[in-house]
Amino acid sequence: IAFATSRGVRRERIVTDPGIGFGKTLDHNLTLLRHLTVFHDLGLPVLLGASRKRFIGTIADEPEATQRLGGSIAVALAGAAQGVQIIRVHDIKQTKQALALWQAMSSGEYRDVP
């Protein structure tokens, strides 16, 4: 963040991403996912991009990335529960549906998930 802003990038144009996957071990990924709220301390939106990642396949014993929808949705919901503002997914329609239901159950009200 400091490097980007020192090079003229406006702070409001920066999003933080814990980098799920990207050379991390299963334990690294799970630790990051359990502690996503720490990233809110940076004062920037948090992006979670874990859809279909290998760690989901490892835990679910599913080698085919296209068959990891259930795990991807579970991770998206866990991220939403920790206040992640941006969730990058492959299966948009299914994840949007899951998030809408989660939101309605959590808050008792419904609003369209962008």
Protein backbone atom coordinates (compact mmCIF):
# COMPACT_ATOMS: atom_id res chain seq x y z
CA ILE A 1 0.00 0.00 0.00
CA ALA A 2 2.79 2.37 0.95
CA PHE A 3 4.69 1.55 -2.24
CA ALA A 4 1.64 2.07 -4.44
CA THR A 5 0.67 5.37 -2.82
CA SER A 6 4.28 6.58 -2.97
CA ARG A 7 4.12 6.03 -6.72
CA GLY A 8 0.97 8.12 -7.12
CA VAL A 9 -1.77 5.50 -6.84
CA ARG A 10 -4.65 7.03 -4.93
CA ARG A 11 -5.54 5.05 -1.81
CA GLU A 12 -9.20 4.80 -2.85
CA ARG A 13 -8.08 2.84 -5.95
CA ILE A 14 -6.38 0.10 -3.89
CA VAL A 15 -7.95 -3.20 -2.85
CA THR A 16 -6.25 -5.68 -0.53
CA ASP A 17 -6.07 -9.35 -1.47
CA PRO A 18 -4.67 -11.95 0.93
CA GLY A 19 -3.59 -13.99 -2.11
CA ILE A 20 -5.22 -17.32 -1.40
CA GLY A 21 -3.28 -19.98 -3.30
CA PHE A 22 -0.26 -18.42 -5.01
CA GLY A 23 2.43 -20.69 -3.55
CA LYS A 24 0.84 -21.07 -0.15
CA THR A 25 0.40 -24.33 1.70
CA LEU A 26 -2.97 -25.66 2.78
CA ASP A 27 -2.25 -24.44 6.32
CA HIS A 28 -1.31 -20.97 5.04
CA ASN A 29 -4.58 -20.69 3.11
CA LEU A 30 -6.71 -21.89 6.03
CA THR A 31 -4.96 -19.51 8.43
CA LEU A 32 -5.62 -16.59 6.07
CA LEU A 33 -9.25 -17.62 5.64
CA ARG A 34 -9.80 -17.91 9.39
CA HIS A 35 -8.35 -14.43 9.94
CA LEU A 36 -9.66 -12.34 7.03
CA THR A 37 -10.90 -9.71 9.47
CA VAL A 38 -7.28 -8.70 10.14
CA PHE A 39 -7.12 -7.24 6.63
CA HIS A 40 -9.88 -4.75 7.49
CA ASP A 41 -7.35 -3.02 9.76
CA LEU A 42 -5.64 -1.78 6.59
CA GLY A 43 -8.66 0.44 5.93
CA LEU A 44 -9.18 -0.77 2.36
CA PRO A 45 -11.71 -3.08 0.69
CA VAL A 46 -10.78 -6.75 0.97
CA LEU A 47 -11.00 -9.06 -2.04
CA LEU A 48 -11.26 -12.82 -1.64
CA GLY A 49 -10.38 -14.91 -4.68
CA ALA A 50 -10.57 -18.54 -3.60
CA SER A 51 -13.03 -19.94 -6.15
CA ARG A 52 -12.09 -23.46 -7.32
CA LYS A 53 -8.61 -23.22 -5.74
CA ARG A 54 -6.51 -26.32 -5.20
CA PHE A 55 -6.87 -26.24 -1.40
CA ILE A 56 -10.63 -26.77 -1.86
CA GLY A 57 -9.88 -29.83 -3.97
CA THR A 58 -7.43 -31.11 -1.40
CA ILE A 59 -9.90 -30.82 1.48
CA ALA A 60 -12.86 -32.10 -0.55
CA ASP A 61 -10.86 -34.78 -2.38
CA GLU A 62 -11.88 -33.28 -5.72
CA PRO A 63 -9.11 -33.09 -8.32
CA GLU A 64 -11.29 -31.40 -10.97
CA ALA A 65 -11.47 -27.63 -10.46
CA THR A 66 -14.83 -27.42 -12.25
CA GLN A 67 -16.32 -29.75 -9.62
CA ARG A 68 -15.46 -27.54 -6.63
CA LEU A 69 -18.60 -25.39 -6.59
CA GLY A 70 -19.73 -26.48 -3.12
CA GLY A 71 -16.36 -25.73 -1.57
CA SER A 72 -16.07 -22.44 -3.43
CA ILE A 73 -19.47 -21.33 -2.13
CA ALA A 74 -18.55 -22.38 1.42
CA VAL A 75 -15.42 -20.22 1.26
CA ALA A 76 -17.35 -17.30 -0.24
CA LEU A 77 -19.90 -17.46 2.60
CA ALA A 78 -17.13 -17.64 5.20
CA GLY A 79 -15.55 -14.57 3.61
CA ALA A 80 -18.86 -12.69 3.58
CA ALA A 81 -19.33 -13.54 7.25
CA GLN A 82 -16.00 -11.84 7.92
CA GLY A 83 -16.98 -8.71 6.00
CA VAL A 84 -15.07 -9.26 2.76
CA GLN A 85 -16.34 -6.64 0.32
CA ILE A 86 -15.34 -8.29 -2.99
CA ILE A 87 -15.59 -12.00 -3.76
CA ARG A 88 -14.09 -13.18 -7.05
CA VAL A 89 -15.79 -16.33 -8.30
CA HIS A 90 -16.15 -18.50 -11.38
CA ASP A 91 -19.74 -19.57 -10.71
CA ILE A 92 -21.44 -16.20 -10.41
CA LYS A 93 -25.11 -17.21 -10.52
CA GLN A 94 -24.77 -19.96 -7.89
CA THR A 95 -22.61 -17.87 -5.57
CA LYS A 96 -24.94 -14.89 -5.88
CA GLN A 97 -27.86 -17.13 -4.94
CA ALA A 98 -26.01 -18.53 -1.91
CA LEU A 99 -24.99 -15.05 -0.77
CA ALA A 100 -28.55 -13.72 -1.14
CA LEU A 101 -29.89 -16.55 1.03
CA TRP A 102 -27.08 -16.18 3.57
CA GLN A 103 -27.73 -12.44 3.78
CA ALA A 104 -31.48 -12.88 4.20
CA MET A 105 -30.96 -15.45 6.97
CA SER A 106 -28.27 -13.40 8.69
CA SER A 107 -30.00 -10.04 8.66
CA GLY A 108 -33.64 -10.97 8.30
CA GLU A 109 -33.90 -8.79 5.22
CA TYR A 110 -33.17 -9.18 1.56
CA ARG A 111 -31.36 -6.88 -0.82
CA ASP A 112 -29.95 -7.72 -4.21
CA VAL A 113 -26.35 -8.93 -4.14
CA PRO A 114 -24.38 -7.07 -6.83
